[in-house]
Amino acid sequence: MDIIEKLRVMLPHWIEHNRGHAGEFAQWADQLDETEGELADKLHRAVHSLEEAQHALEEALALTGGPLTDEHGGDHHAHHHHH
């Protein structure tokens, strides 16, 4: 498997992982908005940064030719990473 094929496997995983973290940060920030404005602002800033990273990752995936799929049309995930 060459580097582009590896990226076609890994980038979809990174995109989903990033999306999950952005959602978590936003939920925490929303809980803090009324009581801890400065802290909430930092978390909202982190969400914004992750959204920018999300766009870059999606553009990178598009440049690779899109997700690598198996012969049955499913996504091919070589690695699973859970927190």
N, C-alpha and C. Protein backbone atom coordinates (compact mmCIF):
# COMPACT_ATOMS: atom_id res chain seq x y z
N MET A 1 0.85 -1.17 0.00
CA MET A 1 0.00 0.00 0.00
C MET A 1 0.90 1.24 0.00
N ASP A 2 0.70 2.12 -0.98
CA ASP A 2 1.53 3.33 -1.04
C ASP A 2 0.96 4.41 -0.12
N ILE A 3 1.66 5.52 0.00
CA ILE A 3 1.28 6.57 0.94
C ILE A 3 -0.09 7.17 0.62
N ILE A 4 -0.44 7.33 -0.65
CA ILE A 4 -1.74 7.88 -1.02
C ILE A 4 -2.85 6.92 -0.60
N GLU A 5 -2.66 5.63 -0.85
CA GLU A 5 -3.65 4.65 -0.42
C GLU A 5 -3.82 4.66 1.09
N LYS A 6 -2.72 4.78 1.82
CA LYS A 6 -2.78 4.84 3.28
C LYS A 6 -3.57 6.07 3.73
N LEU A 7 -3.32 7.20 3.07
CA LEU A 7 -4.06 8.42 3.41
C LEU A 7 -5.55 8.28 3.10
N ARG A 8 -5.86 7.57 2.03
CA ARG A 8 -7.27 7.34 1.67
C ARG A 8 -7.98 6.50 2.73
N VAL A 9 -7.23 5.72 3.49
CA VAL A 9 -7.77 4.95 4.60
C VAL A 9 -7.81 5.80 5.87
N MET A 10 -6.72 6.52 6.14
CA MET A 10 -6.60 7.24 7.41
C MET A 10 -7.38 8.55 7.45
N LEU A 11 -7.42 9.29 6.36
CA LEU A 11 -8.09 10.60 6.39
C LEU A 11 -9.57 10.50 6.79
N PRO A 12 -10.35 9.55 6.28
CA PRO A 12 -11.74 9.47 6.75
C PRO A 12 -11.84 9.24 8.26
N HIS A 13 -10.93 8.45 8.79
CA HIS A 13 -10.89 8.21 10.24
C HIS A 13 -10.58 9.51 10.97
N TRP A 14 -9.57 10.23 10.50
CA TRP A 14 -9.19 11.50 11.15
C TRP A 14 -10.33 12.51 11.08
N ILE A 15 -11.03 12.53 9.96
CA ILE A 15 -12.16 13.46 9.79
C ILE A 15 -13.25 13.16 10.82
N GLU A 16 -13.60 11.89 10.96
CA GLU A 16 -14.62 11.52 11.94
C GLU A 16 -14.16 11.80 13.36
N HIS A 17 -12.92 11.49 13.65
CA HIS A 17 -12.36 11.71 14.98
C HIS A 17 -12.38 13.20 15.32
N ASN A 18 -11.96 14.03 14.38
CA ASN A 18 -11.94 15.48 14.56
C ASN A 18 -13.36 15.99 14.79
N ARG A 19 -14.31 15.51 13.99
CA ARG A 19 -15.71 15.93 14.12
C ARG A 19 -16.24 15.62 15.51
N GLY A 20 -15.89 14.46 16.03
CA GLY A 20 -16.33 14.08 17.38
C GLY A 20 -15.80 15.01 18.44
N HIS A 21 -14.53 15.35 18.34
CA HIS A 21 -13.94 16.26 19.32
C HIS A 21 -14.56 17.65 19.23
N ALA A 22 -14.78 18.14 18.05
CA ALA A 22 -15.39 19.47 17.89
C ALA A 22 -16.76 19.50 18.56
N GLY A 23 -17.53 18.44 18.37
CA GLY A 23 -18.85 18.36 19.00
C GLY A 23 -18.77 18.35 20.52
N GLU A 24 -17.81 17.61 21.06
CA GLU A 24 -17.62 17.57 22.51
C GLU A 24 -17.23 18.94 23.04
N PHE A 25 -16.29 19.60 22.39
CA PHE A 25 -15.84 20.92 22.83
C PHE A 25 -17.00 21.91 22.82
N ALA A 26 -17.81 21.85 21.77
CA ALA A 26 -18.95 22.77 21.65
C ALA A 26 -19.95 22.54 22.78
N GLN A 27 -20.20 21.30 23.12
CA GLN A 27 -21.14 21.00 24.21
C GLN A 27 -20.63 21.56 25.54
N TRP A 28 -19.34 21.37 25.80
CA TRP A 28 -18.77 21.91 27.03
C TRP A 28 -18.81 23.43 27.03
N ALA A 29 -18.49 24.03 25.92
CA ALA A 29 -18.50 25.49 25.83
C ALA A 29 -19.90 26.03 26.06
N ASP A 30 -20.90 25.38 25.48
CA ASP A 30 -22.29 25.84 25.65
C ASP A 30 -22.72 25.78 27.12
N GLN A 31 -22.23 24.80 27.86
CA GLN A 31 -22.56 24.70 29.28
C GLN A 31 -21.92 25.81 30.10
N LEU A 32 -20.80 26.37 29.59
CA LEU A 32 -20.05 27.38 30.33
C LEU A 32 -20.40 28.80 29.94
N ASP A 33 -21.13 28.99 28.86
CA ASP A 33 -21.35 30.33 28.32
C ASP A 33 -21.81 31.36 29.35
N GLU A 34 -22.75 30.98 30.20
CA GLU A 34 -23.32 31.95 31.13
C GLU A 34 -22.48 32.15 32.39
N THR A 35 -21.70 31.16 32.79
CA THR A 35 -20.98 31.26 34.05
C THR A 35 -19.48 31.49 33.89
N GLU A 36 -18.91 31.01 32.83
CA GLU A 36 -17.46 31.09 32.62
C GLU A 36 -17.19 31.56 31.20
N GLY A 37 -17.52 32.82 30.92
CA GLY A 37 -17.44 33.35 29.57
C GLY A 37 -16.08 33.23 28.92
N GLU A 38 -15.01 33.54 29.65
CA GLU A 38 -13.67 33.49 29.05
C GLU A 38 -13.28 32.06 28.70
N LEU A 39 -13.58 31.15 29.60
CA LEU A 39 -13.28 29.74 29.34
C LEU A 39 -14.11 29.22 28.17
N ALA A 40 -15.39 29.59 28.14
CA ALA A 40 -16.25 29.20 27.03
C ALA A 40 -15.70 29.74 25.72
N ASP A 41 -15.23 30.99 25.72
CA ASP A 41 -14.66 31.59 24.51
C ASP A 41 -13.48 30.79 24.00
N LYS A 42 -12.63 30.32 24.90
CA LYS A 42 -11.46 29.51 24.49
C LYS A 42 -11.90 28.20 23.85
N LEU A 43 -12.91 27.58 24.43
CA LEU A 43 -13.40 26.32 23.85
C LEU A 43 -14.08 26.57 22.51
N HIS A 44 -14.82 27.67 22.39
CA HIS A 44 -15.42 28.00 21.09
C HIS A 44 -14.33 28.27 20.06
N ARG A 45 -13.25 28.88 20.49
CA ARG A 45 -12.12 29.11 19.58
C ARG A 45 -11.51 27.78 19.13
N ALA A 46 -11.42 26.84 20.05
CA ALA A 46 -10.91 25.51 19.70
C ALA A 46 -11.83 24.84 18.68
N VAL A 47 -13.14 24.98 18.87
CA VAL A 47 -14.11 24.42 17.91
C VAL A 47 -13.88 25.03 16.53
N HIS A 48 -13.70 26.34 16.49
CA HIS A 48 -13.46 27.02 15.21
C HIS A 48 -12.19 26.48 14.55
N SER A 49 -11.14 26.30 15.33
CA SER A 49 -9.89 25.76 14.79
C SER A 49 -10.08 24.35 14.25
N LEU A 50 -10.85 23.53 14.97
CA LEU A 50 -11.11 22.17 14.49
C LEU A 50 -11.95 22.18 13.22
N GLU A 51 -12.87 23.14 13.10
CA GLU A 51 -13.66 23.25 11.88
C GLU A 51 -12.76 23.60 10.69
N GLU A 52 -11.78 24.49 10.93
CA GLU A 52 -10.83 24.82 9.86
C GLU A 52 -10.00 23.59 9.50
N ALA A 53 -9.57 22.84 10.51
CA ALA A 53 -8.82 21.61 10.26
C ALA A 53 -9.68 20.61 9.50
N GLN A 54 -10.96 20.56 9.84
CA GLN A 54 -11.90 19.66 9.16
C GLN A 54 -11.93 19.94 7.66
N HIS A 55 -12.03 21.21 7.31
CA HIS A 55 -12.06 21.59 5.89
C HIS A 55 -10.76 21.16 5.19
N ALA A 56 -9.64 21.39 5.85
CA ALA A 56 -8.35 21.02 5.26
C ALA A 56 -8.25 19.50 5.07
N LEU A 57 -8.71 18.74 6.07
CA LEU A 57 -8.68 17.28 5.95
C LEU A 57 -9.59 16.79 4.83
N GLU A 58 -10.77 17.39 4.71
CA GLU A 58 -11.69 17.00 3.64
C GLU A 58 -11.12 17.34 2.26
N GLU A 59 -10.47 18.48 2.15
CA GLU A 59 -9.83 18.85 0.88
C GLU A 59 -8.68 17.90 0.56
N ALA A 60 -7.92 17.53 1.59
CA ALA A 60 -6.82 16.58 1.39
C ALA A 60 -7.37 15.24 0.91
N LEU A 61 -8.46 14.78 1.51
CA LEU A 61 -9.06 13.51 1.10
C LEU A 61 -9.50 13.58 -0.36
N ALA A 62 -10.10 14.69 -0.74
CA ALA A 62 -10.53 14.85 -2.13
C ALA A 62 -9.33 14.79 -3.08
N LEU A 63 -8.21 15.36 -2.68
CA LEU A 63 -7.02 15.34 -3.53
C LEU A 63 -6.43 13.93 -3.68
N THR A 64 -6.70 13.05 -2.71
CA THR A 64 -6.20 11.67 -2.81
C THR A 64 -7.07 10.82 -3.71
N GLY A 65 -8.25 11.31 -4.06
CA GLY A 65 -9.19 10.52 -4.86
C GLY A 65 -10.36 10.01 -4.05
N GLY A 66 -10.43 10.38 -2.79
CA GLY A 66 -11.54 9.96 -1.94
C GLY A 66 -11.21 8.73 -1.14
N PRO A 67 -12.14 8.34 -0.28
CA PRO A 67 -11.90 7.19 0.61
C PRO A 67 -11.62 5.91 -0.19
N LEU A 68 -10.72 5.12 0.31
CA LEU A 68 -10.42 3.81 -0.29
C LEU A 68 -11.52 2.85 0.14
N THR A 69 -12.14 2.21 -0.82
CA THR A 69 -13.21 1.26 -0.51
C THR A 69 -12.80 -0.12 -0.96
N ASP A 70 -13.41 -1.12 -0.33
CA ASP A 70 -13.13 -2.49 -0.75
C ASP A 70 -13.97 -2.84 -1.97
N GLU A 71 -13.84 -4.04 -2.44
CA GLU A 71 -14.53 -4.45 -3.67
C GLU A 71 -16.05 -4.52 -3.48
N HIS A 72 -16.52 -4.49 -2.23
CA HIS A 72 -17.96 -4.53 -1.97
C HIS A 72 -18.53 -3.13 -1.78
N GLY A 73 -17.71 -2.11 -1.96
CA GLY A 73 -18.17 -0.74 -1.86
C GLY A 73 -18.12 -0.16 -0.47
N GLY A 74 -17.65 -0.92 0.50
CA GLY A 74 -17.56 -0.40 1.87
C GLY A 74 -16.25 0.31 2.11
N ASP A 75 -16.26 1.15 3.12
CA ASP A 75 -15.02 1.82 3.50
C ASP A 75 -14.05 0.80 4.06
N HIS A 76 -12.80 0.97 3.72
CA HIS A 76 -11.74 0.08 4.19
C HIS A 76 -11.02 0.80 5.32
N HIS A 77 -11.23 0.35 6.55
CA HIS A 77 -10.58 0.98 7.70
C HIS A 77 -9.53 0.02 8.24
N ALA A 78 -8.28 0.42 8.09
CA ALA A 78 -7.20 -0.43 8.55
C ALA A 78 -6.96 -0.28 10.04
N HIS A 79 -7.31 0.89 10.59
CA HIS A 79 -7.04 1.16 12.00
C HIS A 79 -8.30 1.69 12.66
N HIS A 80 -8.54 1.23 13.87
CA HIS A 80 -9.63 1.78 14.66
C HIS A 80 -9.03 2.35 15.92
N HIS A 81 -9.42 3.56 16.24
CA HIS A 81 -8.84 4.27 17.37
C HIS A 81 -10.00 4.84 18.18
N HIS A 82 -10.10 4.43 19.43
CA HIS A 82 -11.20 4.90 20.26
C HIS A 82 -10.65 5.52 21.53
N HIS A 83 -11.39 6.48 22.02
CA HIS A 83 -11.03 7.13 23.31
C HIS A 83 -12.01 6.71 24.36
